[in-house]
Amino acid sequence: MDVIEHWNGRYACLLQSALRLGNEQFAARLGIAVRTVAAWRSDAAVVPRREIQQLLDTAYEQAPPAGRQRFALLLAKERAATDSMEPGVQALRVAIGVVVRDRDVLLVCRRDNEAAGITWQFPAGVIKPGGKPETTTVRETLNETGVHCAVRQYLGNRLHPVTGVLCEYFQCDYLAGEAINSDAAENIDVVWVPRKSVLRFIPVATIFPPILAVLEEQP
């Protein structure tokens, strides 16, 4: 295979995203522990041992053509983003929470001063220098929506295709609280939306692939 010479956590997660598999599904496909896949999402630089490198090679080679094409596209975007970063420059980072409650997902409707008007998104907040993205996700979700949540798993990161902002994505479990618009200055509305209906609010082309896998999971 001439796409990846040495797999690391980040490339493995890109393959998982291209195949549109959740952590358990991807682990089962490779025949490894779910915690290993979770570790790749926590540490993008980790290098799997040789036998797992071979398993990843096989998973790529056996992927359907559409999956390989998605992987090539994700890989090209990843490498382009890395090459475009100037040394010593820290990109603006945003933590995004995909908060799940049974069959529903939490969305906020942003105010937008541009011509595009209002837009639906997942709760998000800027990660301050030195801040932890997990803490930012939980705090900003509560501040924006009145909903208490807990991080379940790290879904990965990317440069957003529209805004160019570096986004860190987390799947979160609902704990308590009513969904209310707690930040009227930035948001118009806060609602719970059925998982299967999210694509009516957010264009599929802008949704991070691991989120699609979460939306397809059975509660």
N, C-alpha and C. Protein backbone atom coordinates (compact mmCIF):
# COMPACT_ATOMS: atom_id res chain seq x y z
N MET A 1 0.86 -1.20 0.00
CA MET A 1 0.00 0.00 0.00
C MET A 1 0.88 1.23 0.00
N ASP A 2 0.61 2.19 -0.89
CA ASP A 2 1.48 3.35 -1.00
C ASP A 2 0.86 4.61 -0.41
N VAL A 3 -0.24 4.50 0.33
CA VAL A 3 -0.87 5.69 0.91
C VAL A 3 -0.25 6.03 2.25
N ILE A 4 -0.13 5.05 3.14
CA ILE A 4 0.42 5.25 4.47
C ILE A 4 1.62 4.33 4.67
N GLU A 5 2.79 4.92 4.90
CA GLU A 5 3.98 4.10 5.16
C GLU A 5 3.98 3.61 6.59
N HIS A 6 3.64 4.49 7.51
CA HIS A 6 3.55 4.12 8.93
C HIS A 6 2.26 4.71 9.49
N TRP A 7 1.39 3.86 10.03
CA TRP A 7 0.15 4.33 10.64
C TRP A 7 0.44 4.95 12.00
N ASN A 8 -0.33 6.00 12.32
CA ASN A 8 -0.35 6.53 13.68
C ASN A 8 -1.80 6.68 14.10
N GLY A 9 -2.02 7.19 15.31
CA GLY A 9 -3.38 7.31 15.80
C GLY A 9 -4.26 8.16 14.91
N ARG A 10 -3.69 9.26 14.39
CA ARG A 10 -4.48 10.16 13.56
C ARG A 10 -4.90 9.51 12.26
N TYR A 11 -3.96 8.82 11.59
CA TYR A 11 -4.29 8.18 10.33
C TYR A 11 -5.29 7.04 10.53
N ALA A 12 -5.14 6.31 11.64
CA ALA A 12 -6.09 5.24 11.94
C ALA A 12 -7.50 5.81 12.13
N CYS A 13 -7.59 6.96 12.79
CA CYS A 13 -8.90 7.59 13.00
C CYS A 13 -9.48 8.10 11.69
N LEU A 14 -8.63 8.55 10.78
CA LEU A 14 -9.11 8.97 9.47
C LEU A 14 -9.69 7.78 8.71
N LEU A 15 -9.03 6.62 8.83
CA LEU A 15 -9.56 5.42 8.19
C LEU A 15 -10.90 5.04 8.81
N GLN A 16 -11.00 5.12 10.12
CA GLN A 16 -12.26 4.84 10.80
C GLN A 16 -13.36 5.76 10.31
N SER A 17 -13.03 7.05 10.16
CA SER A 17 -14.01 8.01 9.68
C SER A 17 -14.43 7.70 8.24
N ALA A 18 -13.44 7.33 7.41
CA ALA A 18 -13.74 7.03 6.01
C ALA A 18 -14.66 5.81 5.89
N LEU A 19 -14.50 4.86 6.80
CA LEU A 19 -15.34 3.66 6.78
C LEU A 19 -16.67 3.88 7.50
N ARG A 20 -16.78 5.05 8.19
CA ARG A 20 -18.00 5.41 8.91
C ARG A 20 -18.38 4.37 9.95
N LEU A 21 -17.39 4.03 10.78
CA LEU A 21 -17.59 3.04 11.83
C LEU A 21 -17.41 3.67 13.20
N GLY A 22 -18.23 3.25 14.17
CA GLY A 22 -18.03 3.65 15.54
C GLY A 22 -16.83 2.93 16.13
N ASN A 23 -16.45 3.30 17.35
CA ASN A 23 -15.28 2.68 17.97
C ASN A 23 -15.41 1.16 18.08
N GLU A 24 -16.56 0.69 18.53
CA GLU A 24 -16.76 -0.75 18.69
C GLU A 24 -16.74 -1.47 17.35
N GLN A 25 -17.35 -0.87 16.34
CA GLN A 25 -17.38 -1.48 15.01
C GLN A 25 -15.98 -1.54 14.40
N PHE A 26 -15.23 -0.44 14.57
CA PHE A 26 -13.88 -0.40 14.00
C PHE A 26 -12.97 -1.40 14.72
N ALA A 27 -13.11 -1.48 16.05
CA ALA A 27 -12.31 -2.44 16.81
C ALA A 27 -12.63 -3.86 16.36
N ALA A 28 -13.92 -4.15 16.14
CA ALA A 28 -14.31 -5.48 15.69
C ALA A 28 -13.77 -5.77 14.29
N ARG A 29 -13.77 -4.76 13.43
CA ARG A 29 -13.24 -4.94 12.06
C ARG A 29 -11.75 -5.32 12.10
N LEU A 30 -11.01 -4.70 13.03
CA LEU A 30 -9.58 -4.95 13.13
C LEU A 30 -9.25 -6.16 14.00
N GLY A 31 -10.21 -6.54 14.88
CA GLY A 31 -9.94 -7.62 15.82
C GLY A 31 -9.08 -7.19 16.99
N ILE A 32 -9.31 -5.95 17.45
CA ILE A 32 -8.54 -5.41 18.57
C ILE A 32 -9.50 -4.89 19.64
N ALA A 33 -8.95 -4.46 20.77
CA ALA A 33 -9.78 -3.96 21.86
C ALA A 33 -10.30 -2.55 21.56
N VAL A 34 -11.51 -2.27 22.04
CA VAL A 34 -12.10 -0.94 21.85
C VAL A 34 -11.23 0.13 22.50
N ARG A 35 -10.61 -0.19 23.63
CA ARG A 35 -9.78 0.80 24.31
C ARG A 35 -8.59 1.22 23.45
N THR A 36 -8.13 0.34 22.56
CA THR A 36 -7.04 0.71 21.66
C THR A 36 -7.48 1.78 20.68
N VAL A 37 -8.67 1.63 20.14
CA VAL A 37 -9.22 2.64 19.23
C VAL A 37 -9.42 3.95 19.98
N ALA A 38 -9.94 3.88 21.20
CA ALA A 38 -10.14 5.09 22.00
C ALA A 38 -8.82 5.78 22.27
N ALA A 39 -7.75 4.99 22.46
CA ALA A 39 -6.43 5.57 22.72
C ALA A 39 -5.92 6.34 21.51
N TRP A 40 -6.24 5.86 20.32
CA TRP A 40 -5.83 6.57 19.11
C TRP A 40 -6.49 7.93 19.03
N ARG A 41 -7.73 8.01 19.49
CA ARG A 41 -8.43 9.30 19.45
C ARG A 41 -7.90 10.25 20.52
N SER A 42 -7.35 9.71 21.58
CA SER A 42 -6.80 10.54 22.65
C SER A 42 -5.39 11.01 22.33
N ASP A 43 -4.64 10.20 21.56
CA ASP A 43 -3.25 10.53 21.24
C ASP A 43 -3.03 10.27 19.75
N ALA A 44 -3.15 11.33 18.95
CA ALA A 44 -3.04 11.18 17.50
C ALA A 44 -1.65 10.76 17.06
N ALA A 45 -0.62 11.00 17.88
CA ALA A 45 0.75 10.72 17.48
C ALA A 45 1.19 9.30 17.81
N VAL A 46 0.39 8.54 18.57
CA VAL A 46 0.79 7.20 18.97
C VAL A 46 0.97 6.31 17.74
N VAL A 47 2.01 5.48 17.75
CA VAL A 47 2.30 4.59 16.62
C VAL A 47 1.96 3.15 17.03
N PRO A 48 0.97 2.53 16.40
CA PRO A 48 0.60 1.15 16.75
C PRO A 48 1.75 0.18 16.47
N ARG A 49 1.77 -0.93 17.21
CA ARG A 49 2.81 -1.93 17.00
C ARG A 49 2.64 -2.58 15.63
N ARG A 50 3.67 -3.35 15.21
CA ARG A 50 3.75 -3.83 13.84
C ARG A 50 2.54 -4.66 13.42
N GLU A 51 2.07 -5.55 14.29
CA GLU A 51 0.95 -6.41 13.90
C GLU A 51 -0.33 -5.60 13.68
N ILE A 52 -0.49 -4.52 14.45
CA ILE A 52 -1.67 -3.68 14.23
C ILE A 52 -1.50 -2.84 12.98
N GLN A 53 -0.26 -2.45 12.67
CA GLN A 53 0.00 -1.77 11.40
C GLN A 53 -0.49 -2.64 10.24
N GLN A 54 -0.21 -3.94 10.33
CA GLN A 54 -0.63 -4.86 9.29
C GLN A 54 -2.15 -4.99 9.22
N LEU A 55 -2.80 -4.97 10.39
CA LEU A 55 -4.26 -5.03 10.42
C LEU A 55 -4.88 -3.80 9.76
N LEU A 56 -4.26 -2.65 10.00
CA LEU A 56 -4.75 -1.41 9.38
C LEU A 56 -4.53 -1.44 7.87
N ASP A 57 -3.38 -1.98 7.45
CA ASP A 57 -3.14 -2.15 6.01
C ASP A 57 -4.24 -2.99 5.38
N THR A 58 -4.57 -4.10 6.03
CA THR A 58 -5.59 -5.01 5.50
C THR A 58 -6.96 -4.35 5.47
N ALA A 59 -7.28 -3.60 6.55
CA ALA A 59 -8.58 -2.92 6.59
C ALA A 59 -8.71 -1.93 5.45
N TYR A 60 -7.62 -1.23 5.16
CA TYR A 60 -7.65 -0.28 4.04
C TYR A 60 -7.80 -1.01 2.71
N GLU A 61 -6.99 -2.06 2.53
CA GLU A 61 -7.00 -2.78 1.26
C GLU A 61 -8.35 -3.45 0.99
N GLN A 62 -9.05 -3.86 2.06
CA GLN A 62 -10.33 -4.54 1.90
C GLN A 62 -11.51 -3.57 1.93
N ALA A 63 -11.24 -2.29 2.12
CA ALA A 63 -12.32 -1.30 2.16
C ALA A 63 -12.96 -1.16 0.79
N PRO A 64 -14.24 -0.86 0.72
CA PRO A 64 -14.88 -0.63 -0.58
C PRO A 64 -14.29 0.59 -1.25
N PRO A 65 -14.39 0.70 -2.55
CA PRO A 65 -13.81 1.84 -3.27
C PRO A 65 -14.23 3.20 -2.71
N ALA A 66 -15.50 3.32 -2.34
CA ALA A 66 -15.97 4.60 -1.79
C ALA A 66 -15.25 4.94 -0.48
N GLY A 67 -15.00 3.91 0.35
CA GLY A 67 -14.29 4.12 1.59
C GLY A 67 -12.86 4.55 1.35
N ARG A 68 -12.19 3.94 0.38
CA ARG A 68 -10.81 4.32 0.06
C ARG A 68 -10.75 5.73 -0.49
N GLN A 69 -11.75 6.11 -1.27
CA GLN A 69 -11.79 7.46 -1.81
C GLN A 69 -11.98 8.49 -0.70
N ARG A 70 -12.88 8.18 0.25
CA ARG A 70 -13.09 9.09 1.38
C ARG A 70 -11.80 9.22 2.19
N PHE A 71 -11.10 8.09 2.39
CA PHE A 71 -9.86 8.13 3.16
C PHE A 71 -8.82 9.00 2.45
N ALA A 72 -8.69 8.83 1.13
CA ALA A 72 -7.73 9.63 0.38
C ALA A 72 -8.05 11.12 0.49
N LEU A 73 -9.34 11.46 0.46
CA LEU A 73 -9.74 12.86 0.57
C LEU A 73 -9.43 13.41 1.96
N LEU A 74 -9.78 12.64 2.99
CA LEU A 74 -9.50 13.08 4.36
C LEU A 74 -8.00 13.21 4.60
N LEU A 75 -7.23 12.27 4.05
CA LEU A 75 -5.78 12.31 4.22
C LEU A 75 -5.18 13.53 3.52
N ALA A 76 -5.66 13.82 2.33
CA ALA A 76 -5.15 14.99 1.60
C ALA A 76 -5.45 16.28 2.34
N LYS A 77 -6.67 16.38 2.92
CA LYS A 77 -7.02 17.58 3.68
C LYS A 77 -6.16 17.70 4.93
N GLU A 78 -5.90 16.56 5.58
CA GLU A 78 -5.08 16.55 6.79
C GLU A 78 -3.67 17.03 6.49
N ARG A 79 -3.09 16.51 5.43
CA ARG A 79 -1.72 16.88 5.09
C ARG A 79 -1.63 18.32 4.61
N ALA A 80 -2.64 18.78 3.88
CA ALA A 80 -2.65 20.17 3.42
C ALA A 80 -2.76 21.12 4.60
N ALA A 81 -3.59 20.76 5.58
CA ALA A 81 -3.74 21.61 6.76
C ALA A 81 -2.45 21.68 7.56
N THR A 82 -1.77 20.53 7.66
CA THR A 82 -0.50 20.49 8.40
C THR A 82 0.56 21.32 7.70
N ASP A 83 0.63 21.22 6.38
CA ASP A 83 1.64 21.95 5.62
C ASP A 83 1.41 23.45 5.65
N SER A 84 0.12 23.87 5.80
CA SER A 84 -0.20 25.30 5.75
C SER A 84 0.03 26.01 7.08
N MET A 85 0.23 25.25 8.15
CA MET A 85 0.44 25.86 9.46
C MET A 85 1.85 26.43 9.57
N GLU A 86 1.96 27.71 9.89
CA GLU A 86 3.26 28.33 10.07
C GLU A 86 3.85 27.91 11.42
N PRO A 87 5.18 27.69 11.46
CA PRO A 87 5.81 27.31 12.74
C PRO A 87 5.53 28.34 13.82
N GLY A 88 5.16 27.86 14.99
CA GLY A 88 4.94 28.75 16.13
C GLY A 88 3.58 29.40 16.17
N VAL A 89 2.75 29.19 15.13
CA VAL A 89 1.42 29.78 15.09
C VAL A 89 0.41 28.77 15.60
N GLN A 90 -0.37 29.17 16.60
CA GLN A 90 -1.38 28.28 17.16
C GLN A 90 -2.74 28.63 16.58
N ALA A 91 -3.37 27.66 15.92
CA ALA A 91 -4.67 27.90 15.32
C ALA A 91 -5.74 28.10 16.39
N LEU A 92 -6.78 28.86 16.03
CA LEU A 92 -7.93 28.99 16.91
C LEU A 92 -8.58 27.63 17.05
N ARG A 93 -8.77 27.19 18.29
CA ARG A 93 -9.33 25.86 18.55
C ARG A 93 -10.70 26.00 19.19
N VAL A 94 -11.62 25.18 18.73
CA VAL A 94 -13.00 25.19 19.24
C VAL A 94 -13.36 23.77 19.67
N ALA A 95 -13.96 23.65 20.85
CA ALA A 95 -14.46 22.36 21.34
C ALA A 95 -15.93 22.24 21.00
N ILE A 96 -16.32 21.11 20.42
CA ILE A 96 -17.69 20.90 19.97
C ILE A 96 -18.26 19.65 20.63
N GLY A 97 -19.44 19.79 21.21
CA GLY A 97 -20.06 18.68 21.91
C GLY A 97 -21.26 18.12 21.16
N VAL A 98 -21.21 16.82 20.85
CA VAL A 98 -22.35 16.13 20.25
C VAL A 98 -23.06 15.44 21.42
N VAL A 99 -24.04 16.13 21.99
CA VAL A 99 -24.71 15.67 23.20
C VAL A 99 -25.90 14.79 22.84
N VAL A 100 -25.85 13.55 23.29
CA VAL A 100 -26.88 12.56 22.94
C VAL A 100 -27.76 12.25 24.16
N ARG A 101 -29.07 12.26 23.94
CA ARG A 101 -30.04 11.86 24.96
C ARG A 101 -31.01 10.88 24.31
N ASP A 102 -30.80 9.59 24.58
CA ASP A 102 -31.61 8.55 23.96
C ASP A 102 -31.55 8.67 22.43
N ARG A 103 -32.66 9.02 21.81
CA ARG A 103 -32.71 9.11 20.34
C ARG A 103 -32.47 10.52 19.82
N ASP A 104 -32.19 11.47 20.72
CA ASP A 104 -32.08 12.88 20.33
C ASP A 104 -30.65 13.42 20.46
N VAL A 105 -30.40 14.50 19.73
CA VAL A 105 -29.12 15.20 19.76
C VAL A 105 -29.41 16.68 19.98
N LEU A 106 -28.55 17.34 20.74
CA LEU A 106 -28.74 18.75 21.09
C LEU A 106 -28.15 19.66 20.01
N LEU A 107 -28.97 20.62 19.55
CA LEU A 107 -28.52 21.60 18.55
C LEU A 107 -28.81 23.01 19.03
N VAL A 108 -27.99 23.96 18.57
CA VAL A 108 -28.24 25.38 18.84
C VAL A 108 -28.35 26.10 17.50
N CYS A 109 -29.15 27.13 17.48
CA CYS A 109 -29.31 27.95 16.28
C CYS A 109 -28.58 29.26 16.51
N ARG A 110 -27.49 29.45 15.77
CA ARG A 110 -26.64 30.64 15.96
C ARG A 110 -27.22 31.87 15.28
N ARG A 111 -26.92 33.03 15.88
CA ARG A 111 -27.16 34.28 15.18
C ARG A 111 -25.97 34.50 14.25
N ASP A 112 -26.23 34.95 13.05
CA ASP A 112 -25.17 35.14 12.06
C ASP A 112 -25.37 36.50 11.41
N ASN A 113 -24.35 37.35 11.52
CA ASN A 113 -24.45 38.69 10.95
C ASN A 113 -24.18 38.72 9.45
N GLU A 114 -23.72 37.58 8.91
CA GLU A 114 -23.42 37.54 7.49
C GLU A 114 -24.72 37.32 6.69
N ALA A 115 -24.59 37.38 5.39
CA ALA A 115 -25.76 37.25 4.52
C ALA A 115 -26.38 35.86 4.60
N ALA A 116 -25.59 34.87 5.06
CA ALA A 116 -26.10 33.51 5.13
C ALA A 116 -27.23 33.36 6.14
N GLY A 117 -27.33 34.31 7.07
CA GLY A 117 -28.40 34.27 8.06
C GLY A 117 -28.12 33.30 9.18
N ILE A 118 -29.21 32.74 9.77
CA ILE A 118 -29.04 31.86 10.93
C ILE A 118 -28.53 30.50 10.49
N THR A 119 -27.92 29.77 11.42
CA THR A 119 -27.37 28.46 11.10
C THR A 119 -27.43 27.55 12.32
N TRP A 120 -27.71 26.26 12.10
CA TRP A 120 -27.79 25.28 13.17
C TRP A 120 -26.45 24.59 13.33
N GLN A 121 -26.05 24.40 14.60
CA GLN A 121 -24.77 23.78 14.91
C GLN A 121 -24.89 22.97 16.20
N PHE A 122 -23.84 22.21 16.50
CA PHE A 122 -23.72 21.57 17.80
C PHE A 122 -23.14 22.59 18.79
N PRO A 123 -23.44 22.48 20.08
CA PRO A 123 -22.87 23.41 21.06
C PRO A 123 -21.35 23.45 20.96
N ALA A 124 -20.78 24.64 21.06
CA ALA A 124 -19.34 24.79 20.88
C ALA A 124 -18.82 26.01 21.63
N GLY A 125 -17.52 25.99 21.87
CA GLY A 125 -16.88 27.13 22.53
C GLY A 125 -15.39 27.15 22.25
N VAL A 126 -14.82 28.33 22.28
CA VAL A 126 -13.39 28.50 22.01
C VAL A 126 -12.57 27.93 23.18
N ILE A 127 -11.54 27.17 22.85
CA ILE A 127 -10.64 26.63 23.87
C ILE A 127 -9.57 27.67 24.17
N LYS A 128 -9.54 28.16 25.39
CA LYS A 128 -8.56 29.17 25.75
C LYS A 128 -7.17 28.56 25.84
N PRO A 129 -6.12 29.35 25.61
CA PRO A 129 -4.75 28.84 25.71
C PRO A 129 -4.52 28.16 27.07
N GLY A 130 -4.04 26.92 27.01
CA GLY A 130 -3.82 26.16 28.24
C GLY A 130 -5.04 25.43 28.74
N GLY A 131 -6.20 25.68 28.13
CA GLY A 131 -7.44 25.04 28.58
C GLY A 131 -7.58 23.65 28.01
N LYS A 132 -8.40 22.83 28.66
CA LYS A 132 -8.64 21.48 28.21
C LYS A 132 -9.91 21.45 27.35
N PRO A 133 -9.85 20.85 26.17
CA PRO A 133 -11.04 20.82 25.30
C PRO A 133 -12.22 20.10 25.93
N GLU A 134 -11.96 19.03 26.72
CA GLU A 134 -13.06 18.31 27.36
C GLU A 134 -13.81 19.23 28.33
N THR A 135 -13.05 19.99 29.13
CA THR A 135 -13.66 20.91 30.08
C THR A 135 -14.43 22.00 29.37
N THR A 136 -13.85 22.50 28.27
CA THR A 136 -14.53 23.54 27.49
C THR A 136 -15.85 23.04 26.93
N THR A 137 -15.86 21.81 26.44
CA THR A 137 -17.08 21.23 25.87
C THR A 137 -18.21 21.19 26.90
N VAL A 138 -17.92 20.68 28.09
CA VAL A 138 -18.93 20.56 29.13
C VAL A 138 -19.39 21.94 29.61
N ARG A 139 -18.42 22.84 29.82
CA ARG A 139 -18.76 24.17 30.33
C ARG A 139 -19.59 24.98 29.33
N GLU A 140 -19.15 24.99 28.06
CA GLU A 140 -19.85 25.79 27.07
C GLU A 140 -21.23 25.23 26.74
N THR A 141 -21.37 23.92 26.79
CA THR A 141 -22.70 23.33 26.58
C THR A 141 -23.66 23.80 27.67
N LEU A 142 -23.20 23.79 28.92
CA LEU A 142 -24.04 24.25 30.02
C LEU A 142 -24.35 25.74 29.89
N ASN A 143 -23.34 26.54 29.57
CA ASN A 143 -23.53 27.99 29.47
C ASN A 143 -24.49 28.36 28.34
N GLU A 144 -24.45 27.60 27.25
CA GLU A 144 -25.27 27.93 26.09
C GLU A 144 -26.69 27.37 26.18
N THR A 145 -26.80 26.17 26.76
CA THR A 145 -28.07 25.45 26.64
C THR A 145 -28.73 25.07 27.96
N GLY A 146 -28.03 25.24 29.08
CA GLY A 146 -28.58 24.82 30.36
C GLY A 146 -28.53 23.33 30.58
N VAL A 147 -27.86 22.59 29.70
CA VAL A 147 -27.80 21.13 29.77
C VAL A 147 -26.47 20.70 30.38
N HIS A 148 -26.55 19.84 31.39
CA HIS A 148 -25.35 19.23 31.97
C HIS A 148 -25.02 17.96 31.18
N CYS A 149 -23.76 17.80 30.82
CA CYS A 149 -23.35 16.62 30.05
C CYS A 149 -21.99 16.14 30.53
N ALA A 150 -21.63 14.94 30.10
CA ALA A 150 -20.32 14.36 30.42
C ALA A 150 -19.74 13.78 29.14
N VAL A 151 -18.45 13.98 28.95
CA VAL A 151 -17.79 13.47 27.75
C VAL A 151 -17.75 11.95 27.77
N ARG A 152 -18.21 11.33 26.70
CA ARG A 152 -18.13 9.87 26.56
C ARG A 152 -16.87 9.47 25.81
N GLN A 153 -16.63 10.12 24.65
CA GLN A 153 -15.45 9.77 23.87
C GLN A 153 -15.04 10.93 22.97
N TYR A 154 -13.75 10.94 22.67
CA TYR A 154 -13.18 11.92 21.75
C TYR A 154 -13.39 11.40 20.33
N LEU A 155 -13.96 12.23 19.47
CA LEU A 155 -14.27 11.81 18.11
C LEU A 155 -13.19 12.20 17.10
N GLY A 156 -12.27 13.07 17.51
CA GLY A 156 -11.21 13.49 16.60
C GLY A 156 -11.25 14.99 16.35
N ASN A 157 -10.38 15.46 15.47
CA ASN A 157 -10.35 16.88 15.14
C ASN A 157 -10.14 17.08 13.64
N ARG A 158 -10.38 18.30 13.21
CA ARG A 158 -10.18 18.67 11.80
C ARG A 158 -10.22 20.18 11.69
N LEU A 159 -9.74 20.69 10.55
CA LEU A 159 -9.99 22.08 10.20
C LEU A 159 -11.36 22.13 9.54
N HIS A 160 -12.26 22.94 10.08
CA HIS A 160 -13.62 22.97 9.57
C HIS A 160 -13.62 23.40 8.11
N PRO A 161 -14.33 22.69 7.23
CA PRO A 161 -14.30 22.99 5.80
C PRO A 161 -14.86 24.35 5.42
N VAL A 162 -15.67 24.95 6.29
CA VAL A 162 -16.26 26.26 5.99
C VAL A 162 -15.52 27.39 6.71
N THR A 163 -15.28 27.22 8.01
CA THR A 163 -14.69 28.30 8.81
C THR A 163 -13.16 28.26 8.86
N GLY A 164 -12.56 27.07 8.60
CA GLY A 164 -11.11 26.95 8.70
C GLY A 164 -10.60 26.87 10.12
N VAL A 165 -11.51 26.82 11.11
CA VAL A 165 -11.14 26.75 12.52
C VAL A 165 -10.81 25.30 12.89
N LEU A 166 -9.81 25.11 13.76
CA LEU A 166 -9.47 23.77 14.23
C LEU A 166 -10.51 23.33 15.25
N CYS A 167 -11.25 22.28 14.94
CA CYS A 167 -12.34 21.81 15.80
C CYS A 167 -11.98 20.50 16.48
N GLU A 168 -12.26 20.42 17.78
CA GLU A 168 -12.08 19.19 18.56
C GLU A 168 -13.48 18.68 18.91
N TYR A 169 -13.79 17.45 18.51
CA TYR A 169 -15.15 16.93 18.64
C TYR A 169 -15.24 15.88 19.74
N PHE A 170 -16.33 15.96 20.52
CA PHE A 170 -16.56 15.02 21.61
C PHE A 170 -18.00 14.53 21.59
N GLN A 171 -18.18 13.22 21.75
CA GLN A 171 -19.52 12.68 21.99
C GLN A 171 -19.77 12.77 23.48
N CYS A 172 -20.93 13.32 23.85
CA CYS A 172 -21.25 13.54 25.26
C CYS A 172 -22.59 12.90 25.62
N ASP A 173 -22.69 12.47 26.86
CA ASP A 173 -23.94 11.92 27.38
C ASP A 173 -24.70 13.00 28.14
N TYR A 174 -26.00 13.03 27.94
CA TYR A 174 -26.87 13.95 28.69
C TYR A 174 -26.93 13.50 30.14
N LEU A 175 -26.85 14.46 31.07
CA LEU A 175 -26.96 14.16 32.50
C LEU A 175 -28.22 14.75 33.11
N ALA A 176 -28.44 16.05 32.87
CA ALA A 176 -29.59 16.73 33.50
C ALA A 176 -29.79 18.08 32.85
N GLY A 177 -30.94 18.70 33.17
CA GLY A 177 -31.20 20.06 32.71
C GLY A 177 -32.16 20.12 31.54
N GLU A 178 -32.90 21.23 31.49
CA GLU A 178 -33.80 21.50 30.39
C GLU A 178 -33.06 22.31 29.32
N ALA A 179 -33.32 22.01 28.07
CA ALA A 179 -32.69 22.73 26.97
C ALA A 179 -33.32 24.11 26.83
N ILE A 180 -32.54 25.14 27.16
CA ILE A 180 -33.01 26.52 27.05
C ILE A 180 -31.93 27.36 26.38
N ASN A 181 -32.33 28.47 25.81
CA ASN A 181 -31.37 29.37 25.19
C ASN A 181 -30.76 30.27 26.27
N SER A 182 -29.61 29.86 26.79
CA SER A 182 -28.97 30.59 27.88
C SER A 182 -28.03 31.68 27.39
N ASP A 183 -27.84 31.78 26.07
CA ASP A 183 -26.95 32.79 25.51
C ASP A 183 -27.65 33.46 24.34
N ALA A 184 -28.63 34.31 24.67
CA ALA A 184 -29.44 34.96 23.64
C ALA A 184 -28.64 35.91 22.76
N ALA A 185 -27.46 36.32 23.24
CA ALA A 185 -26.63 37.22 22.44
C ALA A 185 -26.06 36.50 21.21
N GLU A 186 -25.79 35.20 21.33
CA GLU A 186 -25.19 34.46 20.23
C GLU A 186 -26.17 33.49 19.56
N ASN A 187 -27.17 33.03 20.32
CA ASN A 187 -28.06 31.99 19.79
C ASN A 187 -29.51 32.46 19.72
N ILE A 188 -30.23 31.87 18.79
CA ILE A 188 -31.64 32.15 18.64
C ILE A 188 -32.50 31.09 19.32
N ASP A 189 -32.03 29.85 19.28
CA ASP A 189 -32.84 28.76 19.83
C ASP A 189 -31.95 27.59 20.21
N VAL A 190 -32.45 26.73 21.09
CA VAL A 190 -31.79 25.49 21.49
C VAL A 190 -32.85 24.40 21.49
N VAL A 191 -32.59 23.29 20.80
CA VAL A 191 -33.60 22.24 20.69
C VAL A 191 -32.95 20.85 20.70
N TRP A 192 -33.76 19.86 21.12
CA TRP A 192 -33.40 18.46 20.94
C TRP A 192 -33.97 18.01 19.61
N VAL A 193 -33.15 17.38 18.79
CA VAL A 193 -33.55 16.95 17.46
C VAL A 193 -33.33 15.44 17.35
N PRO A 194 -34.29 14.68 16.80
CA PRO A 194 -34.06 13.25 16.57
C PRO A 194 -32.80 13.03 15.74
N ARG A 195 -32.03 12.01 16.09
CA ARG A 195 -30.78 11.74 15.37
C ARG A 195 -31.00 11.69 13.86
N LYS A 196 -32.07 11.01 13.45
CA LYS A 196 -32.31 10.81 12.02
C LYS A 196 -32.70 12.11 11.31
N SER A 197 -32.99 13.16 12.10
CA SER A 197 -33.43 14.42 11.49
C SER A 197 -32.34 15.49 11.46
N VAL A 198 -31.16 15.18 11.99
CA VAL A 198 -30.11 16.19 12.07
C VAL A 198 -29.73 16.73 10.69
N LEU A 199 -29.76 15.86 9.68
CA LEU A 199 -29.35 16.29 8.34
C LEU A 199 -30.34 17.28 7.73
N ARG A 200 -31.49 17.44 8.34
CA ARG A 200 -32.43 18.48 7.88
C ARG A 200 -31.98 19.85 8.37
N PHE A 201 -31.14 19.87 9.39
CA PHE A 201 -30.69 21.12 9.98
C PHE A 201 -29.27 21.49 9.56
N ILE A 202 -28.40 20.47 9.41
CA ILE A 202 -27.00 20.71 9.09
C ILE A 202 -26.66 19.93 7.82
N PRO A 203 -26.10 20.59 6.80
CA PRO A 203 -25.75 19.89 5.55
C PRO A 203 -24.77 18.75 5.82
N VAL A 204 -25.02 17.59 5.22
CA VAL A 204 -24.18 16.43 5.47
C VAL A 204 -22.74 16.69 5.07
N ALA A 205 -22.51 17.53 4.06
CA ALA A 205 -21.15 17.79 3.59
C ALA A 205 -20.29 18.48 4.62
N THR A 206 -20.92 19.16 5.59
CA THR A 206 -20.15 19.89 6.60
C THR A 206 -20.03 19.12 7.92
N ILE A 207 -20.68 17.95 8.02
CA ILE A 207 -20.64 17.19 9.27
C ILE A 207 -19.40 16.29 9.30
N PHE A 208 -18.67 16.33 10.41
CA PHE A 208 -17.49 15.49 10.61
C PHE A 208 -17.91 14.02 10.53
N PRO A 209 -17.29 13.19 9.67
CA PRO A 209 -17.74 11.80 9.48
C PRO A 209 -17.95 11.00 10.76
N PRO A 210 -17.09 11.10 11.80
CA PRO A 210 -17.37 10.33 13.01
C PRO A 210 -18.70 10.70 13.66
N ILE A 211 -19.15 11.92 13.45
CA ILE A 211 -20.46 12.32 13.99
C ILE A 211 -21.56 11.55 13.28
N LEU A 212 -21.42 11.35 11.99
CA LEU A 212 -22.41 10.57 11.25
C LEU A 212 -22.53 9.16 11.83
N ALA A 213 -21.38 8.59 12.23
CA ALA A 213 -21.40 7.26 12.84
C ALA A 213 -22.16 7.28 14.15
N VAL A 214 -21.98 8.35 14.93
CA VAL A 214 -22.70 8.47 16.20
C VAL A 214 -24.21 8.58 15.95
N LEU A 215 -24.58 9.35 14.93
CA LEU A 215 -26.00 9.54 14.63
C LEU A 215 -26.65 8.24 14.19
N GLU A 216 -25.86 7.35 13.60
CA GLU A 216 -26.42 6.09 13.11
C GLU A 216 -26.47 5.00 14.17
N GLU A 217 -25.80 5.21 15.31
CA GLU A 217 -25.81 4.21 16.37
C GLU A 217 -27.20 4.06 16.97
N GLN A 218 -27.53 2.85 17.36
CA GLN A 218 -28.82 2.61 18.02
C GLN A 218 -28.71 2.98 19.49
N PRO A 219 -29.68 3.71 20.05
CA PRO A 219 -29.62 4.09 21.48
C PRO A 219 -29.82 2.89 22.39
